[in-house]
Amino acid sequence: MSKAKLSVEEAMQRLEEITLKMEEEALPLADMMALYKEGKKLQEQCKKQLDLAEKEILMLDQAESEDEADV
């Protein structure tokens, strides 16, 4: 995995690849652990990005509601 921050869509795609690889292949424990760690980091990254998007949406909705109340 690249050190650059992936988009949510890219991270989700990589998580899917990791899941399939872990389910289908008999990997050595060290490889499984490396995939698991990568998956956890991607999951955390996705959660942070989605949480930020949710907060932004809530702020926009609140601002819109306040604008409508001023009319």
PDB file of N, CA and C in Angstrom:
ATOM      1  N   MET A   1       0.849  -1.185   0.000  1.00  0.00           N
ATOM      2  CA  MET A   1       0.000   0.000   0.000  1.00  0.00           C
ATOM      3  C   MET A   1       0.881   1.228   0.000  1.00  0.00           C
ATOM      4  N   SER A   2       0.482   2.207  -0.748  1.00  0.00           N
ATOM      5  CA  SER A   2       1.197   3.468  -0.818  1.00  0.00           C
ATOM      6  C   SER A   2       1.011   4.250   0.475  1.00  0.00           C
ATOM      7  N   LYS A   3       2.006   5.085   0.794  1.00  0.00           N
ATOM      8  CA  LYS A   3       1.918   5.923   1.986  1.00  0.00           C
ATOM      9  C   LYS A   3       0.931   7.073   1.781  1.00  0.00           C
ATOM     10  N   ALA A   4       0.654   7.421   0.527  1.00  0.00           N
ATOM     11  CA  ALA A   4      -0.278   8.507   0.244  1.00  0.00           C
ATOM     12  C   ALA A   4      -1.675   8.125   0.705  1.00  0.00           C
ATOM     13  N   LYS A   5      -2.414   9.135   1.148  1.00  0.00           N
ATOM     14  CA  LYS A   5      -3.774   8.900   1.622  1.00  0.00           C
ATOM     15  C   LYS A   5      -4.671   8.559   0.429  1.00  0.00           C
ATOM     16  N   LEU A   6      -5.363   7.460   0.551  1.00  0.00           N
ATOM     17  CA  LEU A   6      -6.271   7.014  -0.498  1.00  0.00           C
ATOM     18  C   LEU A   6      -7.637   7.651  -0.303  1.00  0.00           C
ATOM     19  N   SER A   7      -8.382   7.740  -1.384  1.00  0.00           N
ATOM     20  CA  SER A   7      -9.770   8.170  -1.264  1.00  0.00           C
ATOM     21  C   SER A   7     -10.538   7.048  -0.559  1.00  0.00           C
ATOM     22  N   VAL A   8     -11.715   7.371  -0.081  1.00  0.00           N
ATOM     23  CA  VAL A   8     -12.540   6.358   0.576  1.00  0.00           C
ATOM     24  C   VAL A   8     -12.809   5.207  -0.387  1.00  0.00           C
ATOM     25  N   GLU A   9     -13.087   5.547  -1.629  1.00  0.00           N
ATOM     26  CA  GLU A   9     -13.384   4.511  -2.622  1.00  0.00           C
ATOM     27  C   GLU A   9     -12.172   3.610  -2.866  1.00  0.00           C
ATOM     28  N   GLU A  10     -11.000   4.214  -2.964  1.00  0.00           N
ATOM     29  CA  GLU A  10      -9.777   3.424  -3.163  1.00  0.00           C
ATOM     30  C   GLU A  10      -9.478   2.549  -1.954  1.00  0.00           C
ATOM     31  N   ALA A  11      -9.659   3.106  -0.768  1.00  0.00           N
ATOM     32  CA  ALA A  11      -9.416   2.350   0.457  1.00  0.00           C
ATOM     33  C   ALA A  11     -10.399   1.186   0.574  1.00  0.00           C
ATOM     34  N   MET A  12     -11.649   1.426   0.233  1.00  0.00           N
ATOM     35  CA  MET A  12     -12.646   0.356   0.290  1.00  0.00           C
ATOM     36  C   MET A  12     -12.309  -0.749  -0.714  1.00  0.00           C
ATOM     37  N   GLN A  13     -11.854  -0.366  -1.892  1.00  0.00           N
ATOM     38  CA  GLN A  13     -11.455  -1.344  -2.907  1.00  0.00           C
ATOM     39  C   GLN A  13     -10.291  -2.191  -2.382  1.00  0.00           C
ATOM     40  N   ARG A  14      -9.317  -1.539  -1.767  1.00  0.00           N
ATOM     41  CA  ARG A  14      -8.163  -2.267  -1.224  1.00  0.00           C
ATOM     42  C   ARG A  14      -8.612  -3.174  -0.078  1.00  0.00           C
ATOM     43  N   LEU A  15      -9.527  -2.709   0.752  1.00  0.00           N
ATOM     44  CA  LEU A  15     -10.047  -3.563   1.824  1.00  0.00           C
ATOM     45  C   LEU A  15     -10.724  -4.812   1.261  1.00  0.00           C
ATOM     46  N   GLU A  16     -11.443  -4.635   0.171  1.00  0.00           N
ATOM     47  CA  GLU A  16     -12.083  -5.779  -0.469  1.00  0.00           C
ATOM     48  C   GLU A  16     -11.037  -6.764  -0.985  1.00  0.00           C
ATOM     49  N   GLU A  17      -9.972  -6.237  -1.596  1.00  0.00           N
ATOM     50  CA  GLU A  17      -8.889  -7.091  -2.094  1.00  0.00           C
ATOM     51  C   GLU A  17      -8.236  -7.864  -0.944  1.00  0.00           C
ATOM     52  N   ILE A  18      -7.992  -7.171   0.149  1.00  0.00           N
ATOM     53  CA  ILE A  18      -7.375  -7.803   1.320  1.00  0.00           C
ATOM     54  C   ILE A  18      -8.272  -8.912   1.845  1.00  0.00           C
ATOM     55  N   THR A  19      -9.562  -8.632   1.963  1.00  0.00           N
ATOM     56  CA  THR A  19     -10.513  -9.615   2.484  1.00  0.00           C
ATOM     57  C   THR A  19     -10.538 -10.858   1.606  1.00  0.00           C
ATOM     58  N   LEU A  20     -10.617 -10.654   0.295  1.00  0.00           N
ATOM     59  CA  LEU A  20     -10.640 -11.803  -0.617  1.00  0.00           C
ATOM     60  C   LEU A  20      -9.356 -12.621  -0.527  1.00  0.00           C
ATOM     61  N   LYS A  21      -8.237 -11.929  -0.455  1.00  0.00           N
ATOM     62  CA  LYS A  21      -6.949 -12.624  -0.374  1.00  0.00           C
ATOM     63  C   LYS A  21      -6.863 -13.442   0.906  1.00  0.00           C
ATOM     64  N   MET A  22      -7.323 -12.869   2.009  1.00  0.00           N
ATOM     65  CA  MET A  22      -7.262 -13.580   3.287  1.00  0.00           C
ATOM     66  C   MET A  22      -8.234 -14.764   3.320  1.00  0.00           C
ATOM     67  N   GLU A  23      -9.342 -14.653   2.630  1.00  0.00           N
ATOM     68  CA  GLU A  23     -10.330 -15.730   2.615  1.00  0.00           C
ATOM     69  C   GLU A  23      -9.944 -16.865   1.677  1.00  0.00           C
ATOM     70  N   GLU A  24      -9.307 -16.538   0.556  1.00  0.00           N
ATOM     71  CA  GLU A  24      -9.072 -17.530  -0.492  1.00  0.00           C
ATOM     72  C   GLU A  24      -7.710 -18.211  -0.426  1.00  0.00           C
ATOM     73  N   GLU A  25      -6.732 -17.583   0.163  1.00  0.00           N
ATOM     74  CA  GLU A  25      -5.383 -18.127   0.122  1.00  0.00           C
ATOM     75  C   GLU A  25      -4.938 -18.630   1.487  1.00  0.00           C
ATOM     76  N   ALA A  26      -4.154 -19.699   1.449  1.00  0.00           N
ATOM     77  CA  ALA A  26      -3.523 -20.208   2.662  1.00  0.00           C
ATOM     78  C   ALA A  26      -2.180 -19.479   2.786  1.00  0.00           C
ATOM     79  N   LEU A  27      -2.205 -18.374   3.509  1.00  0.00           N
ATOM     80  CA  LEU A  27      -1.026 -17.539   3.646  1.00  0.00           C
ATOM     81  C   LEU A  27      -0.282 -17.853   4.937  1.00  0.00           C
ATOM     82  N   PRO A  28       1.019 -17.605   4.933  1.00  0.00           N
ATOM     83  CA  PRO A  28       1.760 -17.721   6.192  1.00  0.00           C
ATOM     84  C   PRO A  28       1.225 -16.696   7.194  1.00  0.00           C
ATOM     85  N   LEU A  29       1.387 -16.993   8.452  1.00  0.00           N
ATOM     86  CA  LEU A  29       0.870 -16.131   9.506  1.00  0.00           C
ATOM     87  C   LEU A  29       1.404 -14.705   9.377  1.00  0.00           C
ATOM     88  N   ALA A  30       2.673 -14.551   9.073  1.00  0.00           N
ATOM     89  CA  ALA A  30       3.265 -13.217   8.951  1.00  0.00           C
ATOM     90  C   ALA A  30       2.567 -12.406   7.853  1.00  0.00           C
ATOM     91  N   ASP A  31       2.246 -13.047   6.740  1.00  0.00           N
ATOM     92  CA  ASP A  31       1.546 -12.360   5.650  1.00  0.00           C
ATOM     93  C   ASP A  31       0.122 -11.999   6.045  1.00  0.00           C
ATOM     94  N   MET A  32      -0.530 -12.921   6.743  1.00  0.00           N
ATOM     95  CA  MET A  32      -1.892 -12.645   7.212  1.00  0.00           C
ATOM     96  C   MET A  32      -1.896 -11.460   8.169  1.00  0.00           C
ATOM     97  N   MET A  33      -0.918 -11.425   9.064  1.00  0.00           N
ATOM     98  CA  MET A  33      -0.834 -10.325  10.023  1.00  0.00           C
ATOM     99  C   MET A  33      -0.565  -9.004   9.311  1.00  0.00           C
ATOM    100  N   ALA A  34       0.282  -9.006   8.303  1.00  0.00           N
ATOM    101  CA  ALA A  34       0.575  -7.786   7.554  1.00  0.00           C
ATOM    102  C   ALA A  34      -0.689  -7.291   6.845  1.00  0.00           C
ATOM    103  N   LEU A  35      -1.444  -8.207   6.252  1.00  0.00           N
ATOM    104  CA  LEU A  35      -2.694  -7.823   5.587  1.00  0.00           C
ATOM    105  C   LEU A  35      -3.704  -7.300   6.607  1.00  0.00           C
ATOM    106  N   TYR A  36      -3.781  -7.947   7.757  1.00  0.00           N
ATOM    107  CA  TYR A  36      -4.705  -7.512   8.799  1.00  0.00           C
ATOM    108  C   TYR A  36      -4.364  -6.093   9.259  1.00  0.00           C
ATOM    109  N   LYS A  37      -3.087  -5.839   9.500  1.00  0.00           N
ATOM    110  CA  LYS A  37      -2.653  -4.502   9.936  1.00  0.00           C
ATOM    111  C   LYS A  37      -2.967  -3.455   8.875  1.00  0.00           C
ATOM    112  N   GLU A  38      -2.707  -3.775   7.621  1.00  0.00           N
ATOM    113  CA  GLU A  38      -3.024  -2.844   6.536  1.00  0.00           C
ATOM    114  C   GLU A  38      -4.526  -2.581   6.503  1.00  0.00           C
ATOM    115  N   GLY A  39      -5.302  -3.631   6.651  1.00  0.00           N
ATOM    116  CA  GLY A  39      -6.755  -3.486   6.643  1.00  0.00           C
ATOM    117  C   GLY A  39      -7.260  -2.616   7.785  1.00  0.00           C
ATOM    118  N   LYS A  40      -6.690  -2.780   8.971  1.00  0.00           N
ATOM    119  CA  LYS A  40      -7.090  -1.957  10.120  1.00  0.00           C
ATOM    120  C   LYS A  40      -6.779  -0.485   9.868  1.00  0.00           C
ATOM    121  N   LYS A  41      -5.613  -0.195   9.292  1.00  0.00           N
ATOM    122  CA  LYS A  41      -5.251   1.189   8.995  1.00  0.00           C
ATOM    123  C   LYS A  41      -6.201   1.786   7.964  1.00  0.00           C
ATOM    124  N   LEU A  42      -6.544   0.996   6.948  1.00  0.00           N
ATOM    125  CA  LEU A  42      -7.479   1.470   5.928  1.00  0.00           C
ATOM    126  C   LEU A  42      -8.867   1.700   6.524  1.00  0.00           C
ATOM    127  N   GLN A  43      -9.291   0.823   7.392  1.00  0.00           N
ATOM    128  CA  GLN A  43     -10.600   0.958   8.034  1.00  0.00           C
ATOM    129  C   GLN A  43     -10.640   2.230   8.870  1.00  0.00           C
ATOM    130  N   GLU A  44      -9.583   2.489   9.607  1.00  0.00           N
ATOM    131  CA  GLU A  44      -9.518   3.699  10.429  1.00  0.00           C
ATOM    132  C   GLU A  44      -9.527   4.954   9.554  1.00  0.00           C
ATOM    133  N   GLN A  45      -8.791   4.900   8.452  1.00  0.00           N
ATOM    134  CA  GLN A  45      -8.749   6.031   7.522  1.00  0.00           C
ATOM    135  C   GLN A  45     -10.137   6.302   6.947  1.00  0.00           C
ATOM    136  N   CYS A  46     -10.832   5.252   6.536  1.00  0.00           N
ATOM    137  CA  CYS A  46     -12.183   5.414   5.985  1.00  0.00           C
ATOM    138  C   CYS A  46     -13.121   6.006   7.030  1.00  0.00           C
ATOM    139  N   LYS A  47     -13.031   5.503   8.247  1.00  0.00           N
ATOM    140  CA  LYS A  47     -13.900   6.008   9.314  1.00  0.00           C
ATOM    141  C   LYS A  47     -13.665   7.493   9.543  1.00  0.00           C
ATOM    142  N   LYS A  48     -12.415   7.911   9.586  1.00  0.00           N
ATOM    143  CA  LYS A  48     -12.106   9.327   9.793  1.00  0.00           C
ATOM    144  C   LYS A  48     -12.661  10.181   8.651  1.00  0.00           C
ATOM    145  N   GLN A  49     -12.457   9.725   7.414  1.00  0.00           N
ATOM    146  CA  GLN A  49     -12.937  10.499   6.271  1.00  0.00           C
ATOM    147  C   GLN A  49     -14.462  10.565   6.254  1.00  0.00           C
ATOM    148  N   LEU A  50     -15.117   9.469   6.568  1.00  0.00           N
ATOM    149  CA  LEU A  50     -16.582   9.462   6.589  1.00  0.00           C
ATOM    150  C   LEU A  50     -17.131  10.296   7.739  1.00  0.00           C
ATOM    151  N   ASP A  51     -16.465  10.255   8.886  1.00  0.00           N
ATOM    152  CA  ASP A  51     -16.884  11.098  10.017  1.00  0.00           C
ATOM    153  C   ASP A  51     -16.769  12.582   9.664  1.00  0.00           C
ATOM    154  N   LEU A  52     -15.677  12.952   9.002  1.00  0.00           N
ATOM    155  CA  LEU A  52     -15.501  14.348   8.577  1.00  0.00           C
ATOM    156  C   LEU A  52     -16.582  14.762   7.586  1.00  0.00           C
ATOM    157  N   ALA A  53     -16.890  13.881   6.646  1.00  0.00           N
ATOM    158  CA  ALA A  53     -17.931  14.184   5.662  1.00  0.00           C
ATOM    159  C   ALA A  53     -19.286  14.348   6.353  1.00  0.00           C
ATOM    160  N   GLU A  54     -19.568  13.491   7.316  1.00  0.00           N
ATOM    161  CA  GLU A  54     -20.834  13.586   8.054  1.00  0.00           C
ATOM    162  C   GLU A  54     -20.922  14.912   8.804  1.00  0.00           C
ATOM    163  N   LYS A  55     -19.836  15.307   9.468  1.00  0.00           N
ATOM    164  CA  LYS A  55     -19.826  16.579  10.193  1.00  0.00           C
ATOM    165  C   LYS A  55     -20.041  17.754   9.238  1.00  0.00           C
ATOM    166  N   GLU A  56     -19.414  17.698   8.074  1.00  0.00           N
ATOM    167  CA  GLU A  56     -19.573  18.775   7.099  1.00  0.00           C
ATOM    168  C   GLU A  56     -21.022  18.859   6.617  1.00  0.00           C
ATOM    169  N   ILE A  57     -21.632  17.714   6.375  1.00  0.00           N
ATOM    170  CA  ILE A  57     -23.032  17.691   5.946  1.00  0.00           C
ATOM    171  C   ILE A  57     -23.928  18.276   7.026  1.00  0.00           C
ATOM    172  N   LEU A  58     -23.678  17.895   8.278  1.00  0.00           N
ATOM    173  CA  LEU A  58     -24.487  18.426   9.382  1.00  0.00           C
ATOM    174  C   LEU A  58     -24.334  19.941   9.499  1.00  0.00           C
ATOM    175  N   MET A  59     -23.097  20.431   9.331  1.00  0.00           N
ATOM    176  CA  MET A  59     -22.860  21.874   9.390  1.00  0.00           C
ATOM    177  C   MET A  59     -23.571  22.591   8.242  1.00  0.00           C
ATOM    178  N   LEU A  60     -23.532  22.012   7.042  1.00  0.00           N
ATOM    179  CA  LEU A  60     -24.207  22.617   5.901  1.00  0.00           C
ATOM    180  C   LEU A  60     -25.720  22.629   6.105  1.00  0.00           C
ATOM    181  N   ASP A  61     -26.257  21.527   6.624  1.00  0.00           N
ATOM    182  CA  ASP A  61     -27.691  21.466   6.897  1.00  0.00           C
ATOM    183  C   ASP A  61     -28.091  22.493   7.947  1.00  0.00           C
ATOM    184  N   GLN A  62     -27.273  22.637   8.968  1.00  0.00           N
ATOM    185  CA  GLN A  62     -27.564  23.610  10.020  1.00  0.00           C
ATOM    186  C   GLN A  62     -27.511  25.026   9.459  1.00  0.00           C
ATOM    187  N   ALA A  63     -26.497  25.322   8.648  1.00  0.00           N
ATOM    188  CA  ALA A  63     -26.378  26.649   8.044  1.00  0.00           C
ATOM    189  C   ALA A  63     -27.572  26.928   7.135  1.00  0.00           C
ATOM    190  N   GLU A  64     -28.002  25.919   6.399  1.00  0.00           N
ATOM    191  CA  GLU A  64     -29.156  26.089   5.507  1.00  0.00           C
ATOM    192  C   GLU A  64     -30.421  26.355   6.317  1.00  0.00           C
ATOM    193  N   SER A  65     -30.580  25.629   7.416  1.00  0.00           N
ATOM    194  CA  SER A  65     -31.750  25.819   8.277  1.00  0.00           C
ATOM    195  C   SER A  65     -31.758  27.228   8.872  1.00  0.00           C
ATOM    196  N   GLU A  66     -30.580  27.709   9.270  1.00  0.00           N
ATOM    197  CA  GLU A  66     -30.479  29.058   9.824  1.00  0.00           C
ATOM    198  C   GLU A  66     -30.792  30.111   8.765  1.00  0.00           C
ATOM    199  N   ASP A  67     -30.334  29.884   7.532  1.00  0.00           N
ATOM    200  CA  ASP A  67     -30.629  30.803   6.438  1.00  0.00           C
ATOM    201  C   ASP A  67     -32.126  30.859   6.160  1.00  0.00           C
ATOM    202  N   GLU A  68     -32.771  29.704   6.199  1.00  0.00           N
ATOM    203  CA  GLU A  68     -34.207  29.649   5.950  1.00  0.00           C
ATOM    204  C   GLU A  68     -34.970  30.329   7.086  1.00  0.00           C
ATOM    205  N   ALA A  69     -34.486  30.246   8.290  1.00  0.00           N
ATOM    206  CA  ALA A  69     -35.139  30.880   9.442  1.00  0.00           C
ATOM    207  C   ALA A  69     -35.034  32.399   9.369  1.00  0.00           C
ATOM    208  N   ASP A  70     -33.983  32.908   8.730  1.00  0.00           N
ATOM    209  CA  ASP A  70     -33.770  34.345   8.597  1.00  0.00           C
ATOM    210  C   ASP A  70     -34.668  34.958   7.530  1.00  0.00           C
ATOM    211  N   VAL A  71     -35.269  34.133   6.693  1.00  0.00           N
ATOM    212  CA  VAL A  71     -36.088  34.646   5.588  1.00  0.00           C
ATOM    213  C   VAL A  71     -37.452  35.015   6.049  1.00  0.00           C
TER     214      VAL A  71
END
